[in-house]
Full PDB file with SEQRES, HELIX, SHEET, SSBOND, CRYST1, ORIGX, SCALE, CONECT and MASTER records, all heavy atoms in Angstrom:
SEQRES   1 A   30  ILE THR GLY LEU LYS GLY HIS SER TYR LEU ASP GLN VAL          
SEQRES   2 A   30  ALA SER PHE ALA SER LYS THR GLU ALA ASP GLU ALA ILE          
SEQRES   3 A   30  ARG ILE SER ALA                                              
HELIX    1 AA1 GLN A   12  ALA A   14  5                                   3    
SHEET    1 AA1 2 SER A   8  ASP A  11  0                                        
SHEET    2 AA1 2 ALA A  17  THR A  20 -1                                        
CRYST1    1.000    1.000    1.000  90.00  90.00  90.00 P 1           1          
ORIGX1      1.000000  0.000000  0.000000        0.00000                         
ORIGX2      0.000000  1.000000  0.000000        0.00000                         
ORIGX3      0.000000  0.000000  1.000000        0.00000                         
SCALE1      1.000000  0.000000  0.000000        0.00000                         
SCALE2      0.000000  1.000000  0.000000        0.00000                         
SCALE3      0.000000  0.000000  1.000000        0.00000                         
ATOM      1  N   ILE A   1      -8.675  -2.074   5.955  1.00  0.00           N  
ATOM      2  CA  ILE A   1      -8.692  -2.996   4.860  1.00  0.00           C  
ATOM      3  C   ILE A   1      -7.597  -3.999   5.075  1.00  0.00           C  
ATOM      4  O   ILE A   1      -6.428  -3.630   5.222  1.00  0.00           O  
ATOM      5  CB  ILE A   1      -8.492  -2.236   3.511  1.00  0.00           C  
ATOM      6  CG1 ILE A   1      -9.607  -1.192   3.320  1.00  0.00           C  
ATOM      7  CG2 ILE A   1      -8.507  -3.242   2.371  1.00  0.00           C  
ATOM      8  CD1 ILE A   1      -9.318  -0.220   2.222  1.00  0.00           C  
ATOM      9  N   THR A   2      -7.930  -5.264   5.130  1.00  0.00           N  
ATOM     10  CA  THR A   2      -6.958  -6.287   5.464  1.00  0.00           C  
ATOM     11  C   THR A   2      -6.856  -7.315   4.327  1.00  0.00           C  
ATOM     12  O   THR A   2      -7.765  -7.416   3.505  1.00  0.00           O  
ATOM     13  CB  THR A   2      -7.305  -7.064   6.755  1.00  0.00           C  
ATOM     14  OG1 THR A   2      -8.562  -7.759   6.528  1.00  0.00           O  
ATOM     15  CG2 THR A   2      -7.492  -6.100   7.928  1.00  0.00           C  
ATOM     16  N   GLY A   3      -5.711  -7.995   4.296  1.00  0.00           N  
ATOM     17  CA  GLY A   3      -5.502  -9.054   3.268  1.00  0.00           C  
ATOM     18  C   GLY A   3      -4.470  -8.738   2.247  1.00  0.00           C  
ATOM     19  O   GLY A   3      -4.176  -9.540   1.333  1.00  0.00           O  
ATOM     20  N   LEU A   4      -3.801  -7.587   2.434  1.00  0.00           N  
ATOM     21  CA  LEU A   4      -2.822  -7.185   1.412  1.00  0.00           C  
ATOM     22  C   LEU A   4      -1.384  -7.003   1.920  1.00  0.00           C  
ATOM     23  O   LEU A   4      -0.503  -6.623   1.187  1.00  0.00           O  
ATOM     24  CB  LEU A   4      -3.295  -5.874   0.722  1.00  0.00           C  
ATOM     25  CG  LEU A   4      -4.563  -5.984  -0.117  1.00  0.00           C  
ATOM     26  CD1 LEU A   4      -5.106  -4.634  -0.434  1.00  0.00           C  
ATOM     27  CD2 LEU A   4      -4.303  -6.792  -1.399  1.00  0.00           C  
ATOM     28  N   LYS A   5      -1.196  -7.319   3.210  1.00  0.00           N  
ATOM     29  CA  LYS A   5       0.157  -7.195   3.763  1.00  0.00           C  
ATOM     30  C   LYS A   5       1.160  -8.056   2.999  1.00  0.00           C  
ATOM     31  O   LYS A   5       0.893  -9.169   2.670  1.00  0.00           O  
ATOM     32  CB  LYS A   5       0.124  -7.588   5.227  1.00  0.00           C  
ATOM     33  CG  LYS A   5       1.481  -7.415   5.949  1.00  0.00           C  
ATOM     34  CD  LYS A   5       1.441  -7.828   7.409  1.00  0.00           C  
ATOM     35  CE  LYS A   5       2.790  -7.632   8.079  1.00  0.00           C  
ATOM     36  NZ  LYS A   5       2.769  -8.023   9.499  1.00  0.00           N  
ATOM     37  N   GLY A   6       2.350  -7.461   2.735  1.00  0.00           N  
ATOM     38  CA  GLY A   6       3.396  -8.179   2.066  1.00  0.00           C  
ATOM     39  C   GLY A   6       3.398  -8.077   0.569  1.00  0.00           C  
ATOM     40  O   GLY A   6       4.364  -8.485  -0.109  1.00  0.00           O  
ATOM     41  N   HIS A   7       2.305  -7.567  -0.042  1.00  0.00           N  
ATOM     42  CA  HIS A   7       2.207  -7.470  -1.481  1.00  0.00           C  
ATOM     43  C   HIS A   7       2.859  -6.142  -1.937  1.00  0.00           C  
ATOM     44  O   HIS A   7       2.731  -5.087  -1.333  1.00  0.00           O  
ATOM     45  CB  HIS A   7       0.735  -7.471  -1.927  1.00  0.00           C  
ATOM     46  CG  HIS A   7       0.137  -8.810  -1.869  1.00  0.00           C  
ATOM     47  ND1 HIS A   7       0.430  -9.820  -2.779  1.00  0.00           N  
ATOM     48  CD2 HIS A   7      -0.751  -9.332  -0.956  1.00  0.00           C  
ATOM     49  CE1 HIS A   7      -0.300 -10.916  -2.418  1.00  0.00           C  
ATOM     50  NE2 HIS A   7      -0.959 -10.626  -1.346  1.00  0.00           N  
ATOM     51  N   SER A   8       3.554  -6.236  -3.066  1.00  0.00           N  
ATOM     52  CA  SER A   8       4.042  -4.995  -3.684  1.00  0.00           C  
ATOM     53  C   SER A   8       2.961  -4.268  -4.374  1.00  0.00           C  
ATOM     54  O   SER A   8       1.968  -4.891  -4.788  1.00  0.00           O  
ATOM     55  CB  SER A   8       5.156  -5.360  -4.710  1.00  0.00           C  
ATOM     56  OG  SER A   8       4.654  -6.161  -5.707  1.00  0.00           O  
ATOM     57  N   TYR A   9       3.089  -2.968  -4.486  1.00  0.00           N  
ATOM     58  CA  TYR A   9       2.054  -2.175  -5.130  1.00  0.00           C  
ATOM     59  C   TYR A   9       2.666  -0.932  -5.829  1.00  0.00           C  
ATOM     60  O   TYR A   9       3.759  -0.463  -5.488  1.00  0.00           O  
ATOM     61  CB  TYR A   9       0.963  -1.734  -4.152  1.00  0.00           C  
ATOM     62  CG  TYR A   9       1.389  -0.781  -3.040  1.00  0.00           C  
ATOM     63  CD1 TYR A   9       1.302   0.621  -3.229  1.00  0.00           C  
ATOM     64  CD2 TYR A   9       1.810  -1.270  -1.801  1.00  0.00           C  
ATOM     65  CE1 TYR A   9       1.622   1.491  -2.233  1.00  0.00           C  
ATOM     66  CE2 TYR A   9       2.154  -0.346  -0.789  1.00  0.00           C  
ATOM     67  CZ  TYR A   9       2.047   0.984  -0.979  1.00  0.00           C  
ATOM     68  OH  TYR A   9       2.403   1.868   0.007  1.00  0.00           O  
ATOM     69  N   LEU A  10       1.951  -0.507  -6.856  1.00  0.00           N  
ATOM     70  CA  LEU A  10       2.299   0.757  -7.552  1.00  0.00           C  
ATOM     71  C   LEU A  10       1.500   1.882  -6.916  1.00  0.00           C  
ATOM     72  O   LEU A  10       0.250   1.769  -6.909  1.00  0.00           O  
ATOM     73  CB  LEU A  10       2.055   0.596  -9.012  1.00  0.00           C  
ATOM     74  CG  LEU A  10       2.744  -0.561  -9.760  1.00  0.00           C  
ATOM     75  CD1 LEU A  10       2.326  -0.632 -11.190  1.00  0.00           C  
ATOM     76  CD2 LEU A  10       4.261  -0.396  -9.608  1.00  0.00           C  
ATOM     77  N   ASP A  11       2.157   2.910  -6.451  1.00  0.00           N  
ATOM     78  CA  ASP A  11       1.509   3.989  -5.744  1.00  0.00           C  
ATOM     79  C   ASP A  11       1.345   5.174  -6.670  1.00  0.00           C  
ATOM     80  O   ASP A  11       2.331   5.922  -6.987  1.00  0.00           O  
ATOM     81  CB  ASP A  11       2.362   4.373  -4.501  1.00  0.00           C  
ATOM     82  CG  ASP A  11       1.616   5.380  -3.592  1.00  0.00           C  
ATOM     83  OD1 ASP A  11       0.566   5.904  -4.037  1.00  0.00           O  
ATOM     84  OD2 ASP A  11       2.077   5.571  -2.484  1.00  0.00           O  
ATOM     85  N   GLN A  12       0.148   5.353  -7.222  1.00  0.00           N  
ATOM     86  CA  GLN A  12      -0.073   6.378  -8.245  1.00  0.00           C  
ATOM     87  C   GLN A  12       0.112   7.753  -7.580  1.00  0.00           C  
ATOM     88  O   GLN A  12       0.553   8.691  -8.247  1.00  0.00           O  
ATOM     89  CB  GLN A  12      -1.472   6.302  -8.862  1.00  0.00           C  
ATOM     90  CG  GLN A  12      -1.693   7.321  -9.904  1.00  0.00           C  
ATOM     91  CD  GLN A  12      -2.941   7.052 -10.751  1.00  0.00           C  
ATOM     92  OE1 GLN A  12      -3.245   5.902 -11.034  1.00  0.00           O  
ATOM     93  NE2 GLN A  12      -3.662   8.085 -11.145  1.00  0.00           N  
ATOM     94  N   VAL A  13      -0.224   7.908  -6.339  1.00  0.00           N  
ATOM     95  CA  VAL A  13      -0.081   9.182  -5.645  1.00  0.00           C  
ATOM     96  C   VAL A  13       1.390   9.603  -5.575  1.00  0.00           C  
ATOM     97  O   VAL A  13       1.737  10.802  -5.562  1.00  0.00           O  
ATOM     98  CB  VAL A  13      -0.706   9.127  -4.238  1.00  0.00           C  
ATOM     99  CG1 VAL A  13      -0.506  10.438  -3.479  1.00  0.00           C  
ATOM    100  CG2 VAL A  13      -2.213   8.834  -4.367  1.00  0.00           C  
ATOM    101  N   ALA A  14       2.294   8.601  -5.595  1.00  0.00           N  
ATOM    102  CA  ALA A  14       3.764   8.848  -5.546  1.00  0.00           C  
ATOM    103  C   ALA A  14       4.357   8.611  -6.881  1.00  0.00           C  
ATOM    104  O   ALA A  14       5.436   7.969  -7.002  1.00  0.00           O  
ATOM    105  CB  ALA A  14       4.389   8.046  -4.447  1.00  0.00           C  
ATOM    106  N   SER A  15       3.664   8.949  -7.965  1.00  0.00           N  
ATOM    107  CA  SER A  15       4.194   8.812  -9.355  1.00  0.00           C  
ATOM    108  C   SER A  15       4.484   7.365  -9.701  1.00  0.00           C  
ATOM    109  O   SER A  15       5.497   7.067 -10.334  1.00  0.00           O  
ATOM    110  CB  SER A  15       5.416   9.715  -9.552  1.00  0.00           C  
ATOM    111  OG  SER A  15       5.144  11.069  -9.318  1.00  0.00           O  
ATOM    112  N   PHE A  16       3.595   6.491  -9.263  1.00  0.00           N  
ATOM    113  CA  PHE A  16       3.712   5.054  -9.559  1.00  0.00           C  
ATOM    114  C   PHE A  16       4.952   4.405  -8.981  1.00  0.00           C  
ATOM    115  O   PHE A  16       5.471   3.448  -9.517  1.00  0.00           O  
ATOM    116  CB  PHE A  16       3.615   4.782 -11.105  1.00  0.00           C  
ATOM    117  CG  PHE A  16       2.270   5.105 -11.694  1.00  0.00           C  
ATOM    118  CD1 PHE A  16       2.094   6.288 -12.306  1.00  0.00           C  
ATOM    119  CD2 PHE A  16       1.225   4.221 -11.570  1.00  0.00           C  
ATOM    120  CE1 PHE A  16       0.821   6.612 -12.853  1.00  0.00           C  
ATOM    121  CE2 PHE A  16      -0.022   4.519 -12.135  1.00  0.00           C  
ATOM    122  CZ  PHE A  16      -0.192   5.678 -12.749  1.00  0.00           C  
ATOM    123  N   ALA A  17       5.406   4.921  -7.862  1.00  0.00           N  
ATOM    124  CA  ALA A  17       6.523   4.309  -7.167  1.00  0.00           C  
ATOM    125  C   ALA A  17       6.179   2.885  -6.735  1.00  0.00           C  
ATOM    126  O   ALA A  17       5.035   2.619  -6.309  1.00  0.00           O  
ATOM    127  CB  ALA A  17       6.940   5.122  -5.950  1.00  0.00           C  
ATOM    128  N   SER A  18       7.144   1.967  -6.780  1.00  0.00           N  
ATOM    129  CA  SER A  18       6.877   0.604  -6.377  1.00  0.00           C  
ATOM    130  C   SER A  18       7.217   0.473  -4.883  1.00  0.00           C  
ATOM    131  O   SER A  18       8.286   0.858  -4.434  1.00  0.00           O  
ATOM    132  CB  SER A  18       7.812  -0.345  -7.137  1.00  0.00           C  
ATOM    133  OG  SER A  18       7.569  -1.687  -6.739  1.00  0.00           O  
ATOM    134  N   LYS A  19       6.239   0.023  -4.112  1.00  0.00           N  
ATOM    135  CA  LYS A  19       6.363  -0.113  -2.664  1.00  0.00           C  
ATOM    136  C   LYS A  19       5.864  -1.530  -2.217  1.00  0.00           C  
ATOM    137  O   LYS A  19       5.286  -2.256  -3.006  1.00  0.00           O  
ATOM    138  CB  LYS A  19       5.539   0.982  -1.964  1.00  0.00           C  
ATOM    139  CG  LYS A  19       5.970   2.408  -2.336  1.00  0.00           C  
ATOM    140  CD  LYS A  19       5.081   3.407  -1.610  1.00  0.00           C  
ATOM    141  CE  LYS A  19       5.523   4.837  -1.987  1.00  0.00           C  
ATOM    142  NZ  LYS A  19       4.694   5.824  -1.261  1.00  0.00           N  
ATOM    143  N   THR A  20       6.066  -1.806  -1.007  1.00  0.00           N  
ATOM    144  CA  THR A  20       5.562  -3.058  -0.418  1.00  0.00           C  
ATOM    145  C   THR A  20       4.679  -2.729   0.795  1.00  0.00           C  
ATOM    146  O   THR A  20       5.062  -1.901   1.626  1.00  0.00           O  
ATOM    147  CB  THR A  20       6.707  -4.000   0.019  1.00  0.00           C  
ATOM    148  OG1 THR A  20       7.517  -4.305  -1.113  1.00  0.00           O  
ATOM    149  CG2 THR A  20       6.187  -5.297   0.609  1.00  0.00           C  
ATOM    150  N   GLU A  21       3.511  -3.368   0.846  1.00  0.00           N  
ATOM    151  CA  GLU A  21       2.591  -3.104   1.944  1.00  0.00           C  
ATOM    152  C   GLU A  21       3.155  -3.717   3.233  1.00  0.00           C  
ATOM    153  O   GLU A  21       3.259  -4.924   3.326  1.00  0.00           O  
ATOM    154  CB  GLU A  21       1.223  -3.681   1.633  1.00  0.00           C  
ATOM    155  CG  GLU A  21       0.144  -3.364   2.667  1.00  0.00           C  
ATOM    156  CD  GLU A  21       0.032  -1.826   2.866  1.00  0.00           C  
ATOM    157  OE1 GLU A  21      -0.432  -1.171   1.931  1.00  0.00           O  
ATOM    158  OE2 GLU A  21       0.376  -1.427   3.993  1.00  0.00           O  
ATOM    159  N   ALA A  22       3.404  -2.846   4.219  1.00  0.00           N  
ATOM    160  CA  ALA A  22       3.966  -3.342   5.492  1.00  0.00           C  
ATOM    161  C   ALA A  22       2.897  -3.464   6.581  1.00  0.00           C  
ATOM    162  O   ALA A  22       3.152  -4.155   7.588  1.00  0.00           O  
ATOM    163  CB  ALA A  22       5.037  -2.345   5.969  1.00  0.00           C  
ATOM    164  N   ASP A  23       1.695  -2.935   6.375  1.00  0.00           N  
ATOM    165  CA  ASP A  23       0.692  -2.881   7.392  1.00  0.00           C  
ATOM    166  C   ASP A  23      -0.272  -4.051   7.238  1.00  0.00           C  
ATOM    167  O   ASP A  23      -0.716  -4.399   6.182  1.00  0.00           O  
ATOM    168  CB  ASP A  23      -0.068  -1.581   7.373  1.00  0.00           C  
ATOM    169  CG  ASP A  23       0.815  -0.400   7.693  1.00  0.00           C  
ATOM    170  OD1 ASP A  23       1.705  -0.528   8.485  1.00  0.00           O  
ATOM    171  OD2 ASP A  23       0.555   0.737   7.185  1.00  0.00           O  
ATOM    172  N   GLU A  24      -0.645  -4.575   8.424  1.00  0.00           N  
ATOM    173  CA  GLU A  24      -1.668  -5.650   8.439  1.00  0.00           C  
ATOM    174  C   GLU A  24      -3.020  -5.037   8.012  1.00  0.00           C  
ATOM    175  O   GLU A  24      -3.802  -5.694   7.316  1.00  0.00           O  
ATOM    176  CB  GLU A  24      -1.783  -6.194   9.833  1.00  0.00           C  
ATOM    177  CG  GLU A  24      -2.677  -7.486   9.934  1.00  0.00           C  
ATOM    178  CD  GLU A  24      -2.041  -8.660   9.347  1.00  0.00           C  
ATOM    179  OE1 GLU A  24      -0.830  -8.888   9.541  1.00  0.00           O  
ATOM    180  OE2 GLU A  24      -2.787  -9.404   8.638  1.00  0.00           O  
ATOM    181  N   ALA A  25      -3.284  -3.781   8.439  1.00  0.00           N  
ATOM    182  CA  ALA A  25      -4.549  -3.141   8.144  1.00  0.00           C  
ATOM    183  C   ALA A  25      -4.268  -1.830   7.532  1.00  0.00           C  
ATOM    184  O   ALA A  25      -3.570  -0.969   8.080  1.00  0.00           O  
ATOM    185  CB  ALA A  25      -5.360  -2.976   9.432  1.00  0.00           C  
ATOM    186  N   ILE A  26      -4.802  -1.614   6.292  1.00  0.00           N  
ATOM    187  CA  ILE A  26      -4.644  -0.312   5.637  1.00  0.00           C  
ATOM    188  C   ILE A  26      -5.706   0.625   6.141  1.00  0.00           C  
ATOM    189  O   ILE A  26      -6.910   0.305   6.211  1.00  0.00           O  
ATOM    190  CB  ILE A  26      -4.780  -0.515   4.116  1.00  0.00           C  
ATOM    191  CG1 ILE A  26      -3.756  -1.533   3.582  1.00  0.00           C  
ATOM    192  CG2 ILE A  26      -4.719   0.823   3.367  1.00  0.00           C  
ATOM    193  CD1 ILE A  26      -4.046  -2.040   2.233  1.00  0.00           C  
ATOM    194  N   ARG A  27      -5.256   1.867   6.484  1.00  0.00           N  
ATOM    195  CA  ARG A  27      -6.178   2.877   6.956  1.00  0.00           C  
ATOM    196  C   ARG A  27      -6.079   4.083   6.041  1.00  0.00           C  
ATOM    197  O   ARG A  27      -5.019   4.346   5.431  1.00  0.00           O  
ATOM    198  CB  ARG A  27      -5.942   3.216   8.378  1.00  0.00           C  
ATOM    199  CG  ARG A  27      -6.109   2.078   9.320  1.00  0.00           C  
ATOM    200  CD  ARG A  27      -5.991   2.432  10.795  1.00  0.00           C  
ATOM    201  NE  ARG A  27      -6.158   1.330  11.662  1.00  0.00           N  
ATOM    202  CZ  ARG A  27      -7.273   0.783  12.079  1.00  0.00           C  
ATOM    203  NH1 ARG A  27      -8.404   1.377  11.693  1.00  0.00           N  
ATOM    204  NH2 ARG A  27      -7.329  -0.234  12.870  1.00  0.00           N  
ATOM    205  N   ILE A  28      -7.199   4.853   5.925  1.00  0.00           N  
ATOM    206  CA  ILE A  28      -7.245   5.922   4.986  1.00  0.00           C  
ATOM    207  C   ILE A  28      -7.268   7.282   5.760  1.00  0.00           C  
ATOM    208  O   ILE A  28      -8.129   7.494   6.561  1.00  0.00           O  
ATOM    209  CB  ILE A  28      -8.501   5.796   4.134  1.00  0.00           C  
ATOM    210  CG1 ILE A  28      -8.410   4.521   3.212  1.00  0.00           C  
ATOM    211  CG2 ILE A  28      -8.683   7.072   3.222  1.00  0.00           C  
ATOM    212  CD1 ILE A  28      -9.645   4.209   2.476  1.00  0.00           C  
ATOM    213  N   SER A  29      -6.275   8.089   5.433  1.00  0.00           N  
ATOM    214  CA  SER A  29      -6.218   9.464   6.054  1.00  0.00           C  
ATOM    215  C   SER A  29      -5.730  10.505   5.034  1.00  0.00           C  
ATOM    216  O   SER A  29      -5.463  11.596   5.372  1.00  0.00           O  
ATOM    217  CB  SER A  29      -5.253   9.450   7.277  1.00  0.00           C  
ATOM    218  OG  SER A  29      -3.938   9.031   6.844  1.00  0.00           O  
ATOM    219  N   ALA A  30      -5.669  10.081   3.779  1.00  0.00           N  
ATOM    220  CA  ALA A  30      -5.275  10.939   2.694  1.00  0.00           C  
ATOM    221  C   ALA A  30      -5.654  10.191   1.374  1.00  0.00           C  
ATOM    222  O   ALA A  30      -6.200   9.114   1.433  1.00  0.00           O  
ATOM    223  CB  ALA A  30      -3.769  11.229   2.700  1.00  0.00           C  
TER     224      ALA A  30                                                      
MASTER        0    0    0    1    2    0    0    6  223    1    0    3          
END                                                                             
C-alpha cells in the first residue's frame, strides 16, 4: 500500500500510540 509515507498515524494495535509512517510501501504481516 503506497501513498502514506511521512504521515503521522494513530496505531490502535499499540493502544493508539502516535507514530509516523517511515515506509514507502506498507506491507501486512500482522
